[in-house]
Amino acid sequence: MKIRELTIENFRGIKRLNWAIPADKKLICLIGKGDSGKSTILDAIGWLLGSGWNLPVDACDFNDEDKPILLKAVLSEMPASLIGFDALGMYQRGIRADGSLDAEPLDGDESCVLVGLRINTDLEPEWFVFDGDDGERPFSVGMRRKLGVAQLGARADADLRWTRSSALGRVSRDVDGAQSALVEATSAARRAVREFEPDVNFSKVLSEIKGEAQGLGAAEFEEMRPGVDLSASSAYGGIALYSGSIPVSKFGLGTRRLTSLAIQKLAATDKATLLIDELESGLEPHRVIGIVEAFATDSGISQVFMTTHSSSVVEYCPAKSLVLVQNSNGVASVEFIPEELEGLHRSSPSSFLTREIIIVEGKTEEGILKALFRYWNGILRHAAAQPTTAARGIVVCQGGGGASACGKSIAFAKLGYQVKLLVDADDRSIDGKVSEVKAAGVTVSRWSDGWKIESAIFNALDRERITEFMSFLIVDEIVSDSKIRAGLVHVGLPPTVEEAVASEVSDEVLRIKLTDASTYRDEAGKDHSWFKSVQAGELVGEWLFSRLGEKPEFKQTEFYGKLTGLLDVADKISPDGEK
């Protein structure tokens, strides 16, 4: 079964959502701000398509208490047992290539069914399937159980015990002698409160659970067996899943969640559809990576819908699986990440999980801005009575050059992110692109005509500070003395720092030549630049801000003003450092 379209009306924080899902989407990772509706979407799917019948509905689940909750889904690739004449076969519709529906399958259409859940103000849920005449027919719990929807939420531990309604109960229901053995074990436990070994052989089922759970990244289990969990009560008197002598419910959160998920997957009569809220909960990054890879390749899974706030999940999910959820006064929207941003989910995954994005051209700018963040967070924010950059959700992201940075800025802005762009002014061919960026609502900060980040650095320093700065580059081994000498000679300056700074060229010419020397490429294209890396940029930024950050003359430079302006703090700090 695959969900091809989802409609949500009046459910919790979502007044309305219409979401068409392409047929090729197997792994779907929902990202977005808190309270945008990510978890609500998972619960909507779970309520509509899950096997539950006694939903925990209360008045808070209604966005408007005077209107019903309505959930609908278009489903394709239905299990064979559901498309027979006596099931849903007579209610099949057709879904066209563009996602629109026909009342019945036509040539070129993919078969599908349209199902719904309505909850009126009396809190009574009503599941139904639409027939071809837009009438409604019952959509029973038995039918829904065959869809194989497994939701990992607050009840993960419940699936680690044998009850009539738990996934563990369902997965062993058809094993000959299972129920009688469990009842016998319960009776024995109640009589003697001792370990009991049942007669029935559960080895195959329990081995499958163990294999599935460990395949998803759960702990290394011992041989699994039923055991007594005296902390619980159920129809079977508290019979739970054990690993050796330890109840699986006593393992860590991540292992419990993964084991529950494995059991639910095995309980599905066809391919499973998994719903997982905050995949990373209780899991180390390496287990997160493993489970994402397992989802992508597991032929027993039809679709996975998951939410995350983890950069590790974003980084290791395929870019085409990332979905941004936004909510404007209850009207929710869902949009897959566009091609322009593919690759950034690996190089800068935190960009997709933030509120404010500062896009820069390259590595040097990223490093310097990170140094500024630390300087601001450590010193200046206190004077300005402002939150840290982390608290504000500010992330710096490399754009990969001027034109590319412009394209990424526009793409992020169209998705609803707050975006700022820092771009060089030495390439006038991107002027038109910069205008497009501004038109998209992006705040653009551009250096003076002909300038780049190196220009701004050297123009923020007098000759004495230039000598100190270049000596720092050599002493701290950011750049070798030989590379600096080669750059100076290349631009026609004396080969040593002292001689170059003392040369009789004007201050303006000296700064231009030093900028050219620091970005030197030879005729073969070999890079001889001085600090073109994130780490070097950070060290340069730390030196500049720690040595000069409190100097009024430094605060009046374009370098300081434009960079602090990106944080919206330039006007909050006076040149003398006071609020």
Protein backbone atom coordinates (compact mmCIF):
# COMPACT_ATOMS: atom_id res chain seq x y z
CA MET A 1 0.00 0.00 0.00
CA LYS A 2 1.15 3.51 -0.81
CA ILE A 3 -0.32 6.81 0.26
CA ARG A 4 -0.61 9.04 -2.81
CA GLU A 5 -2.59 11.89 -1.36
CA LEU A 6 -3.43 13.04 2.16
CA THR A 7 -6.09 15.55 3.23
CA ILE A 8 -6.39 16.87 6.78
CA GLU A 9 -9.16 19.18 7.95
CA ASN A 10 -9.68 20.60 11.43
CA PHE A 11 -7.21 18.30 13.18
CA ARG A 12 -5.24 19.90 16.03
CA GLY A 13 -3.02 22.69 14.69
CA ILE A 14 -3.95 22.01 11.08
CA LYS A 15 -7.08 23.63 9.70
CA ARG A 16 -6.38 22.36 6.22
CA LEU A 17 -3.71 20.36 4.39
CA ASN A 18 -3.81 18.85 0.90
CA TRP A 19 -0.69 16.87 0.05
CA ALA A 20 -0.07 14.99 -3.18
CA ILE A 21 2.74 12.43 -2.82
CA PRO A 22 4.58 11.21 -5.95
CA ALA A 23 4.54 7.47 -6.54
CA ASP A 24 8.32 7.12 -6.30
CA LYS A 25 8.55 8.47 -2.74
CA LYS A 26 9.35 5.63 -0.34
CA LEU A 27 11.32 7.42 2.38
CA ILE A 28 9.69 10.67 3.48
CA CYS A 29 11.34 12.77 6.17
CA LEU A 30 9.31 15.68 7.54
CA ILE A 31 11.30 18.69 8.73
CA GLY A 32 10.24 22.16 9.79
CA LYS A 33 9.75 24.47 12.74
CA GLY A 34 8.27 23.29 15.99
CA ASP A 35 4.45 23.29 15.97
CA SER A 36 4.32 23.30 12.18
CA GLY A 37 2.27 20.08 12.23
CA LYS A 38 4.81 17.31 11.54
CA SER A 39 3.65 15.02 14.36
CA THR A 40 0.03 15.86 13.59
CA ILE A 41 0.50 14.55 10.04
CA LEU A 42 1.84 11.23 11.39
CA ASP A 43 -1.02 10.92 13.86
CA ALA A 44 -3.53 11.72 11.13
CA ILE A 45 -2.17 8.84 9.02
CA GLY A 46 -2.10 6.55 12.05
CA TRP A 47 -5.67 7.36 13.03
CA LEU A 48 -6.98 7.04 9.50
CA LEU A 49 -5.15 3.87 8.41
CA GLY A 50 -4.09 2.18 11.63
CA SER A 51 -5.81 -0.83 13.16
CA GLY A 52 -7.07 1.00 16.22
CA TRP A 53 -10.78 1.48 16.76
CA ASN A 54 -10.91 3.20 20.17
CA LEU A 55 -9.09 6.44 19.41
CA PRO A 56 -8.02 8.74 22.27
CA VAL A 57 -10.09 11.66 20.96
CA ASP A 58 -10.78 14.71 23.08
CA ALA A 59 -11.88 18.28 22.47
CA CYS A 60 -8.28 19.47 22.06
CA ASP A 61 -7.97 17.41 18.86
CA PHE A 62 -10.41 19.77 17.11
CA ASN A 63 -8.98 22.94 15.62
CA ASP A 64 -12.53 24.30 15.64
CA GLU A 65 -14.72 22.51 18.20
CA ASP A 66 -17.84 23.26 16.16
CA LYS A 67 -16.63 21.38 13.08
CA PRO A 68 -15.80 17.70 12.50
CA ILE A 69 -12.33 16.33 11.96
CA LEU A 70 -11.99 14.94 8.43
CA LEU A 71 -9.03 12.85 7.28
CA LYS A 72 -8.82 11.40 3.76
CA ALA A 73 -6.21 9.46 1.81
CA VAL A 74 -5.80 8.13 -1.72
CA LEU A 75 -4.21 4.67 -1.54
CA SER A 76 -2.55 2.73 -4.35
CA GLU A 77 -0.81 -0.64 -4.57
CA MET A 78 -3.36 -2.16 -2.22
CA PRO A 79 -2.83 -5.64 -0.74
CA ALA A 80 -4.38 -8.35 -2.91
CA SER A 81 -6.64 -9.41 -0.05
CA LEU A 82 -8.28 -5.96 -0.09
CA ILE A 83 -9.07 -5.61 -3.77
CA GLY A 84 -11.35 -8.63 -4.08
CA PHE A 85 -15.00 -8.25 -4.95
CA ASP A 86 -16.06 -8.70 -1.31
CA ALA A 87 -13.58 -6.10 -0.02
CA LEU A 88 -12.59 -2.85 -1.73
CA GLY A 89 -12.29 -4.03 -5.33
CA MET A 90 -15.62 -2.58 -6.40
CA TYR A 91 -14.65 0.83 -4.98
CA GLN A 92 -11.45 1.29 -6.98
CA ARG A 93 -10.81 4.56 -8.74
CA GLY A 94 -8.15 5.69 -11.18
CA ILE A 95 -5.28 8.05 -10.46
CA ARG A 96 -3.81 9.86 -13.46
CA ALA A 97 -0.17 10.73 -14.03
CA ASP A 98 -0.86 14.29 -12.82
CA GLY A 99 -2.39 12.99 -9.57
CA SER A 100 -6.02 13.75 -10.39
CA LEU A 101 -8.68 11.08 -9.83
CA ASP A 102 -11.18 9.36 -12.11
CA ALA A 103 -14.37 7.81 -10.75
CA GLU A 104 -13.09 4.43 -12.01
CA PRO A 105 -9.78 3.25 -13.48
CA LEU A 106 -9.30 4.25 -17.12
CA ASP A 107 -6.58 3.32 -19.60
CA GLY A 108 -3.28 4.67 -18.32
CA ASP A 109 -4.61 5.15 -14.80
CA GLU A 110 -3.20 3.54 -11.68
CA SER A 111 -5.82 1.86 -9.51
CA CYS A 112 -6.50 3.41 -6.12
CA VAL A 113 -9.12 3.78 -3.41
CA LEU A 114 -10.23 6.84 -1.49
CA VAL A 115 -10.74 6.32 2.24
CA GLY A 116 -11.70 8.63 5.05
CA LEU A 117 -12.17 9.13 8.79
CA ARG A 118 -14.72 11.53 10.21
CA ILE A 119 -14.93 12.44 13.87
CA ASN A 120 -17.93 14.52 14.80
CA THR A 121 -18.29 16.59 17.93
CA ASP A 122 -19.66 13.54 19.75
CA LEU A 123 -16.05 12.20 19.55
CA GLU A 124 -17.15 9.01 17.78
CA PRO A 125 -14.86 8.03 14.89
CA GLU A 126 -16.35 6.81 11.62
CA TRP A 127 -14.11 5.14 9.01
CA PHE A 128 -15.34 4.83 5.44
CA VAL A 129 -14.35 4.21 1.84
CA PHE A 130 -15.80 6.33 -0.97
CA ASP A 131 -17.62 4.38 -3.65
CA GLY A 132 -17.66 5.48 -7.27
CA ASP A 133 -20.75 7.62 -6.72
CA ASP A 134 -19.15 9.56 -3.85
CA GLY A 135 -21.19 7.56 -1.41
CA GLU A 136 -19.61 6.04 1.68
CA ARG A 137 -19.16 2.43 2.68
CA PRO A 138 -17.69 1.10 5.96
CA PHE A 139 -13.91 0.78 6.19
CA SER A 140 -13.56 -1.84 8.90
CA VAL A 141 -10.76 -2.41 11.39
CA GLY A 142 -10.14 -5.78 9.72
CA MET A 143 -9.55 -4.02 6.39
CA ARG A 144 -7.30 -1.41 7.97
CA ARG A 145 -5.25 -4.07 9.73
CA LYS A 146 -4.29 -5.52 6.33
CA LEU A 147 -2.76 -2.17 5.29
CA GLY A 148 0.21 -2.83 7.55
CA VAL A 149 0.50 0.66 9.06
CA ALA A 150 2.85 0.67 12.06
CA GLN A 151 3.22 3.79 14.17
CA LEU A 152 6.07 4.25 16.61
CA GLY A 153 4.98 6.62 19.29
CA ALA A 154 4.32 6.78 22.98
CA ARG A 155 3.07 3.17 23.17
CA ALA A 156 6.33 1.52 22.02
CA ASP A 157 6.67 -0.49 25.25
CA ALA A 158 3.15 -1.90 24.84
CA ASP A 159 4.32 -3.87 21.81
CA LEU A 160 6.93 -5.64 23.94
CA ARG A 161 4.21 -7.52 25.84
CA TRP A 162 1.77 -10.21 24.74
CA THR A 163 -1.74 -8.80 24.72
CA ARG A 164 -4.63 -9.32 22.35
CA SER A 165 -4.16 -5.88 20.81
CA SER A 166 -0.35 -5.54 20.83
CA ALA A 167 1.79 -6.13 17.75
CA LEU A 168 3.58 -8.93 19.62
CA GLY A 169 0.23 -10.60 20.23
CA ARG A 170 -0.68 -10.28 16.54
CA VAL A 171 2.63 -11.59 15.25
CA SER A 172 2.31 -14.80 17.29
CA ARG A 173 -1.48 -15.17 17.04
CA ASP A 174 -1.35 -17.70 14.24
CA VAL A 175 1.41 -19.83 15.78
CA ASP A 176 -0.16 -23.15 16.80
CA GLY A 177 -0.46 -23.45 20.57
CA ALA A 178 0.81 -19.95 21.26
CA GLN A 179 -2.21 -18.64 23.16
CA SER A 180 -2.66 -21.75 25.30
CA ALA A 181 1.05 -21.73 26.11
CA LEU A 182 0.88 -18.11 27.20
CA VAL A 183 -2.13 -18.75 29.40
CA GLU A 184 -0.34 -21.76 30.91
CA ALA A 185 2.75 -19.63 31.54
CA THR A 186 0.61 -16.98 33.19
CA SER A 187 -1.02 -19.51 35.47
CA ALA A 188 2.32 -20.99 36.40
CA ALA A 189 3.74 -17.55 37.10
CA ARG A 190 0.83 -16.65 39.31
CA ARG A 191 1.12 -19.89 41.23
CA ALA A 192 4.86 -19.95 41.70
CA VAL A 193 6.19 -16.57 40.53
CA ARG A 194 8.99 -18.37 38.91
CA GLU A 195 10.46 -18.74 35.47
CA PHE A 196 8.44 -20.90 33.15
CA GLU A 197 9.54 -22.49 29.91
CA PRO A 198 6.55 -23.01 27.58
CA ASP A 199 6.18 -26.19 25.58
CA VAL A 200 5.46 -24.49 22.30
CA ASN A 201 8.39 -23.61 20.11
CA PHE A 202 8.45 -19.88 19.51
CA SER A 203 11.98 -20.00 18.17
CA LYS A 204 11.16 -19.01 14.58
CA VAL A 205 8.99 -16.03 15.45
CA LEU A 206 11.29 -14.83 18.21
CA SER A 207 14.33 -15.28 15.99
CA GLU A 208 12.65 -13.13 13.33
CA ILE A 209 11.94 -10.40 15.90
CA LYS A 210 15.52 -10.51 17.11
CA GLY A 211 16.89 -10.35 13.55
CA GLU A 212 14.62 -7.49 12.48
CA ALA A 213 15.34 -5.44 15.61
CA GLN A 214 19.11 -5.91 15.41
CA GLY A 215 18.98 -5.21 11.69
CA LEU A 216 17.49 -1.80 12.52
CA GLY A 217 20.26 -1.12 15.04
CA ALA A 218 18.84 -2.39 18.34
CA ALA A 219 21.09 -3.88 21.01
CA GLU A 220 22.66 -7.31 20.65
CA PHE A 221 20.05 -9.56 22.24
CA GLU A 222 20.45 -12.96 23.79
CA GLU A 223 18.00 -15.69 22.84
CA MET A 224 14.51 -14.22 23.04
CA ARG A 225 11.71 -15.91 24.92
CA PRO A 226 8.50 -15.11 26.81
CA GLY A 227 8.94 -14.16 30.44
CA VAL A 228 6.97 -12.67 33.30
CA ASP A 229 6.87 -8.91 33.73
CA LEU A 230 5.24 -8.42 37.11
CA SER A 231 5.17 -4.65 36.57
CA ALA A 232 2.47 -5.04 33.94
CA SER A 233 -0.98 -6.48 33.79
CA SER A 234 -2.73 -7.75 30.69
CA ALA A 235 -5.00 -10.44 29.34
CA TYR A 236 -2.04 -12.78 29.59
CA GLY A 237 -1.09 -11.65 33.10
CA GLY A 238 2.01 -9.67 32.12
CA ILE A 239 3.81 -11.99 29.70
CA ALA A 240 6.55 -9.93 28.08
CA LEU A 241 9.42 -10.31 25.63
CA TYR A 242 12.73 -11.15 27.27
CA SER A 243 16.33 -11.17 26.11
CA GLY A 244 17.87 -13.88 28.27
CA SER A 245 16.86 -12.98 31.82
CA ILE A 246 16.16 -9.29 31.11
CA PRO A 247 12.81 -7.86 29.85
CA VAL A 248 13.34 -5.98 26.61
CA SER A 249 11.28 -3.19 28.21
CA LYS A 250 14.26 -2.57 30.52
CA PHE A 251 16.63 -1.82 27.64
CA GLY A 252 17.40 1.71 26.49
CA LEU A 253 14.84 3.91 24.75
CA GLY A 254 16.35 3.49 21.29
CA THR A 255 16.45 -0.30 21.49
CA ARG A 256 12.88 -0.46 22.81
CA ARG A 257 11.63 1.74 19.98
CA LEU A 258 13.48 -0.23 17.31
CA THR A 259 12.29 -3.57 18.69
CA SER A 260 8.71 -2.31 18.76
CA LEU A 261 9.10 -1.15 15.18
CA ALA A 262 10.50 -4.53 14.13
CA ILE A 263 7.55 -6.35 15.74
CA GLN A 264 5.01 -4.08 14.09
CA LYS A 265 6.69 -4.57 10.73
CA LEU A 266 6.52 -8.36 11.14
CA ALA A 267 2.87 -8.10 12.17
CA ALA A 268 1.96 -6.48 8.84
CA THR A 269 0.17 -8.88 6.48
CA ASP A 270 1.69 -7.13 3.45
CA LYS A 271 4.43 -4.54 3.03
CA ALA A 272 4.56 -2.22 6.01
CA THR A 273 4.01 1.53 6.11
CA LEU A 274 5.98 2.99 9.03
CA LEU A 275 5.21 6.17 10.96
CA ILE A 276 8.05 7.33 13.22
CA ASP A 277 8.03 10.53 15.24
CA GLU A 278 11.53 11.87 15.98
CA LEU A 279 13.51 9.00 14.53
CA GLU A 280 16.65 10.02 16.44
CA SER A 281 15.04 9.68 19.88
CA GLY A 282 17.24 7.44 22.01
CA LEU A 283 19.61 6.63 19.14
CA GLU A 284 23.26 7.45 18.60
CA PRO A 285 24.15 8.96 15.19
CA HIS A 286 25.61 5.69 13.87
CA ARG A 287 22.36 3.85 14.63
CA VAL A 288 20.40 6.65 12.98
CA ILE A 289 22.50 6.21 9.84
CA GLY A 290 22.00 2.47 9.93
CA ILE A 291 18.24 2.66 10.25
CA VAL A 292 17.91 5.20 7.41
CA GLU A 293 19.94 2.91 5.17
CA ALA A 294 17.83 -0.07 6.25
CA PHE A 295 14.59 1.74 5.42
CA ALA A 296 15.81 2.69 1.96
CA THR A 297 16.73 -0.88 0.99
CA ASP A 298 14.15 -3.01 2.84
CA SER A 299 11.80 -4.62 0.32
CA GLY A 300 9.32 -5.34 3.12
CA ILE A 301 8.63 -1.62 3.57
CA SER A 302 6.27 0.25 1.28
CA GLN A 303 6.67 3.76 2.73
CA VAL A 304 8.26 5.42 5.73
CA PHE A 305 6.96 8.71 7.11
CA MET A 306 9.19 10.14 9.81
CA THR A 307 9.93 13.42 11.55
CA THR A 308 13.28 14.67 12.77
CA HIS A 309 15.15 17.53 14.40
CA SER A 310 18.49 15.80 13.88
CA SER A 311 21.11 16.97 11.40
CA SER A 312 22.38 13.36 11.22
CA VAL A 313 19.02 12.20 9.87
CA VAL A 314 18.92 15.06 7.35
CA GLU A 315 22.48 14.35 6.24
CA TYR A 316 21.95 10.68 5.55
CA CYS A 317 18.48 10.83 4.04
CA PRO A 318 18.36 11.13 0.25
CA ALA A 319 17.77 14.77 -0.65
CA LYS A 320 14.60 13.86 -2.57
CA SER A 321 13.09 12.44 0.63
CA LEU A 322 13.28 15.68 2.64
CA VAL A 323 9.95 17.46 3.05
CA LEU A 324 9.50 20.89 4.60
CA VAL A 325 6.28 21.34 6.59
CA GLN A 326 5.06 24.88 7.13
CA ASN A 327 1.98 26.24 8.83
CA SER A 328 0.46 29.66 8.42
CA ASN A 329 -2.47 30.20 10.80
CA GLY A 330 -3.51 26.58 10.49
CA VAL A 331 -3.13 26.28 6.73
CA ALA A 332 -0.34 23.72 6.35
CA SER A 333 1.81 23.13 3.29
CA VAL A 334 4.25 20.36 2.46
CA GLU A 335 7.01 20.76 -0.12
CA PHE A 336 9.87 18.50 -1.16
CA ILE A 337 13.33 20.09 -1.16
CA PRO A 338 14.12 21.50 -4.66
CA GLU A 339 17.07 20.45 -6.83
CA GLU A 340 18.91 23.73 -6.19
CA LEU A 341 19.46 22.66 -2.58
CA GLU A 342 20.51 19.06 -3.19
CA GLY A 343 23.95 18.43 -1.77
CA LEU A 344 23.53 21.01 1.00
CA HIS A 345 21.74 18.40 3.10
CA ARG A 346 25.15 16.68 3.36
CA SER A 347 27.50 19.68 3.51
CA SER A 348 25.24 21.82 5.72
CA PRO A 349 22.37 19.68 7.10
CA SER A 350 21.66 22.10 9.96
CA SER A 351 20.60 24.70 7.37
CA PHE A 352 17.36 22.79 6.87
CA LEU A 353 16.58 22.74 10.60
CA THR A 354 17.09 26.41 11.37
CA ARG A 355 15.20 29.70 11.42
CA GLU A 356 17.75 32.04 9.88
CA ILE A 357 20.28 31.14 7.19
CA ILE A 358 23.28 33.26 6.28
CA ILE A 359 24.59 32.13 2.90
CA VAL A 360 28.17 33.04 2.01
CA GLU A 361 30.28 32.38 -1.04
CA GLY A 362 32.96 30.12 0.39
CA LYS A 363 35.05 28.62 3.17
CA THR A 364 36.81 31.76 4.40
CA GLU A 365 33.55 33.59 4.96
CA GLU A 366 32.03 30.62 6.78
CA GLY A 367 35.01 30.39 9.13
CA ILE A 368 35.07 34.12 9.87
CA LEU A 369 31.35 34.18 10.59
CA LYS A 370 31.68 31.24 12.97
CA ALA A 371 34.40 33.19 14.79
CA LEU A 372 32.08 36.20 14.91
CA PHE A 373 29.32 34.02 16.37
CA ARG A 374 31.61 32.97 19.23
CA TYR A 375 32.78 36.55 19.80
CA TRP A 376 29.23 37.85 19.83
CA ASN A 377 27.95 35.06 22.09
CA GLY A 378 30.83 35.46 24.51
CA ILE A 379 31.05 39.24 24.85
CA LEU A 380 28.86 41.56 22.86
CA ARG A 381 25.43 39.99 23.32
CA HIS A 382 25.51 40.75 27.03
CA ALA A 383 25.99 44.44 26.36
CA ALA A 384 23.20 44.42 23.80
CA ALA A 385 20.89 42.23 25.91
CA GLN A 386 20.41 39.86 22.99
CA PRO A 387 20.14 36.03 22.75
CA THR A 388 22.93 33.83 21.42
CA THR A 389 23.12 32.96 17.75
CA ALA A 390 22.21 29.37 18.63
CA ALA A 391 19.12 30.51 20.53
CA ARG A 392 18.08 32.53 17.50
CA GLY A 393 18.63 29.53 15.24
CA ILE A 394 21.21 31.22 12.98
CA VAL A 395 23.25 28.95 10.69
CA VAL A 396 25.94 29.90 8.17
CA CYS A 397 25.99 27.97 4.91
CA GLN A 398 28.45 27.92 2.00
CA GLY A 399 26.94 28.79 -1.35
CA GLY A 400 29.80 27.55 -3.54
CA GLY A 401 30.57 30.80 -5.36
CA GLY A 402 28.59 33.93 -6.14
CA ALA A 403 26.12 32.64 -8.74
CA SER A 404 25.49 29.40 -6.85
CA ALA A 405 25.04 31.25 -3.55
CA CYS A 406 22.45 33.46 -5.21
CA GLY A 407 20.53 30.43 -6.51
CA LYS A 408 20.54 28.74 -3.10
CA SER A 409 19.39 31.96 -1.43
CA ILE A 410 16.38 32.17 -3.74
CA ALA A 411 15.53 28.48 -3.22
CA PHE A 412 15.62 28.78 0.58
CA ALA A 413 13.59 31.99 0.47
CA LYS A 414 10.88 30.33 -1.65
CA LEU A 415 10.62 27.61 1.00
CA GLY A 416 9.87 30.28 3.61
CA TYR A 417 13.23 30.48 5.38
CA GLN A 418 14.61 33.83 6.57
CA VAL A 419 17.68 34.24 4.38
CA LYS A 420 20.62 36.65 4.23
CA LEU A 421 23.34 36.63 1.61
CA LEU A 422 26.91 37.86 1.87
CA VAL A 423 28.41 38.13 -1.61
CA ASP A 424 31.57 39.53 -3.17
CA ALA A 425 31.53 42.48 -5.55
CA ASP A 426 34.49 41.50 -7.73
CA ASP A 427 32.29 39.66 -10.28
CA ARG A 428 29.84 42.04 -11.96
CA SER A 429 28.39 39.23 -14.09
CA ILE A 430 26.16 38.22 -11.18
CA ASP A 431 24.58 41.68 -10.75
CA GLY A 432 21.36 40.49 -12.36
CA LYS A 433 21.27 37.43 -10.13
CA VAL A 434 21.78 39.61 -7.07
CA SER A 435 18.76 41.67 -8.13
CA GLU A 436 16.70 38.46 -8.35
CA VAL A 437 17.85 37.54 -4.85
CA LYS A 438 16.68 40.89 -3.48
CA ALA A 439 13.35 40.51 -5.29
CA ALA A 440 12.88 37.14 -3.55
CA GLY A 441 12.97 38.91 -0.19
CA VAL A 442 16.54 38.00 0.74
CA THR A 443 18.60 40.51 2.70
CA VAL A 444 21.76 41.04 0.63
CA SER A 445 25.04 42.34 2.00
CA ARG A 446 27.66 43.05 -0.66
CA TRP A 447 31.15 44.42 -0.30
CA SER A 448 32.21 47.69 -1.93
CA ASP A 449 32.70 47.60 -5.67
CA GLY A 450 35.53 45.23 -6.61
CA TRP A 451 35.93 43.93 -3.06
CA LYS A 452 35.90 40.41 -1.68
CA ILE A 453 36.36 39.14 1.90
CA GLU A 454 40.15 39.53 1.69
CA SER A 455 39.72 43.14 0.54
CA ALA A 456 37.51 43.85 3.54
CA ILE A 457 40.07 42.33 5.92
CA PHE A 458 43.04 44.35 4.69
CA ASN A 459 40.99 47.54 4.46
CA ALA A 460 40.09 47.13 8.13
CA LEU A 461 43.78 47.29 9.12
CA ASP A 462 46.38 50.06 9.17
CA ARG A 463 50.00 49.30 8.32
CA GLU A 464 50.93 48.44 11.89
CA ARG A 465 48.02 46.01 12.20
CA ILE A 466 48.79 44.52 8.78
CA THR A 467 52.28 43.65 9.99
CA GLU A 468 50.86 42.06 13.14
CA PHE A 469 48.23 40.17 11.16
CA MET A 470 50.63 38.72 8.61
CA SER A 471 53.10 37.77 11.31
CA PHE A 472 50.25 35.96 13.08
CA LEU A 473 49.50 34.03 9.86
CA ILE A 474 53.09 32.79 9.75
CA VAL A 475 53.68 32.16 13.46
CA ASP A 476 50.40 30.26 13.90
CA GLU A 477 51.18 28.28 10.75
CA ILE A 478 48.00 29.28 9.01
CA VAL A 479 50.14 29.91 5.95
CA SER A 480 53.80 29.21 5.37
CA ASP A 481 56.39 31.95 5.13
CA SER A 482 57.34 30.68 1.66
CA LYS A 483 53.76 30.99 0.40
CA ILE A 484 53.51 34.55 1.71
CA ARG A 485 56.83 35.41 0.08
CA ALA A 486 55.65 33.94 -3.23
CA GLY A 487 52.44 35.95 -3.08
CA LEU A 488 54.23 39.20 -2.27
CA VAL A 489 56.69 38.75 -5.11
CA HIS A 490 53.87 37.85 -7.49
CA VAL A 491 52.20 41.25 -6.92
CA GLY A 492 55.46 43.20 -7.12
CA LEU A 493 56.10 43.76 -3.42
CA PRO A 494 59.31 42.99 -1.50
CA PRO A 495 59.45 39.35 -0.32
CA THR A 496 59.29 39.93 3.46
CA VAL A 497 56.34 41.19 5.46
CA GLU A 498 58.32 44.04 7.01
CA GLU A 499 59.69 45.24 3.68
CA ALA A 500 56.33 44.93 1.93
CA VAL A 501 54.49 46.95 4.57
CA ALA A 502 57.28 49.56 4.64
CA SER A 503 57.30 49.96 0.86
CA GLU A 504 56.51 53.38 -0.54
CA VAL A 505 53.21 52.46 -2.19
CA SER A 506 50.08 54.18 -0.96
CA ASP A 507 47.88 52.58 1.68
CA GLU A 508 45.21 51.89 -0.97
CA VAL A 509 47.65 50.27 -3.37
CA LEU A 510 49.22 48.21 -0.58
CA ARG A 511 45.83 46.81 0.42
CA ILE A 512 44.95 45.94 -3.18
CA LYS A 513 48.28 44.17 -3.67
CA LEU A 514 47.94 42.23 -0.42
CA THR A 515 44.44 41.16 -1.41
CA ASP A 516 45.77 39.91 -4.76
CA ALA A 517 48.71 38.17 -3.06
CA SER A 518 46.41 36.38 -0.60
CA THR A 519 44.26 34.97 -3.41
CA TYR A 520 47.06 34.18 -5.88
CA ARG A 521 46.67 31.41 -8.46
CA ASP A 522 49.55 30.65 -10.82
CA GLU A 523 49.26 30.19 -14.60
CA ALA A 524 48.69 26.47 -14.15
CA GLY A 525 45.70 27.20 -11.92
CA LYS A 526 47.40 26.06 -8.72
CA ASP A 527 45.93 27.74 -5.64
CA HIS A 528 48.39 29.74 -3.52
CA SER A 529 45.78 31.49 -1.37
CA TRP A 530 46.55 32.19 2.26
CA PHE A 531 43.42 31.30 4.19
CA LYS A 532 40.89 29.60 1.89
CA SER A 533 39.54 27.09 4.40
CA VAL A 534 36.92 27.08 7.15
CA GLN A 535 39.53 26.41 9.83
CA ALA A 536 41.83 29.17 8.58
CA GLY A 537 38.87 31.54 8.34
CA GLU A 538 37.96 30.78 11.94
CA LEU A 539 41.51 31.47 13.13
CA VAL A 540 41.66 34.71 11.15
CA GLY A 541 38.30 35.80 12.54
CA GLU A 542 39.27 34.93 16.11
CA TRP A 543 42.45 37.01 15.82
CA LEU A 544 40.66 40.00 14.33
CA PHE A 545 37.81 40.06 16.84
CA SER A 546 39.85 39.23 19.92
CA ARG A 547 42.59 41.76 19.11
CA LEU A 548 40.54 44.53 17.56
CA GLY A 549 36.91 43.88 18.44
CA GLU A 550 36.79 46.51 21.17
CA LYS A 551 38.61 49.19 19.13
CA PRO A 552 36.26 51.99 18.00
CA GLU A 553 38.17 52.44 14.75
CA PHE A 554 37.75 48.74 13.92
CA LYS A 555 34.02 48.88 14.61
CA GLN A 556 33.71 51.66 12.07
CA THR A 557 35.16 49.53 9.25
CA GLU A 558 33.12 47.95 6.48
CA PHE A 559 34.40 44.52 7.54
CA TYR A 560 32.95 44.81 11.04
CA GLY A 561 29.80 46.66 10.02
CA LYS A 562 28.64 44.29 7.28
CA LEU A 563 29.40 41.13 9.26
CA THR A 564 27.69 42.28 12.46
CA GLY A 565 24.88 43.62 10.28
CA LEU A 566 24.19 40.04 9.16
CA LEU A 567 23.41 39.28 12.81
CA ASP A 568 21.22 42.41 13.08
CA VAL A 569 23.46 43.66 15.87
CA ALA A 570 25.53 46.40 14.22
CA ASP A 571 23.15 49.11 15.43
CA LYS A 572 22.89 47.65 18.93
CA ILE A 573 26.55 48.14 19.83
CA SER A 574 28.15 51.57 19.81
CA PRO A 575 31.77 51.99 18.63
CA ASP A 576 32.97 52.01 22.22
CA GLY A 577 31.31 48.68 22.95
CA GLU A 578 28.48 50.02 25.09
CA LYS A 579 24.84 49.32 24.54
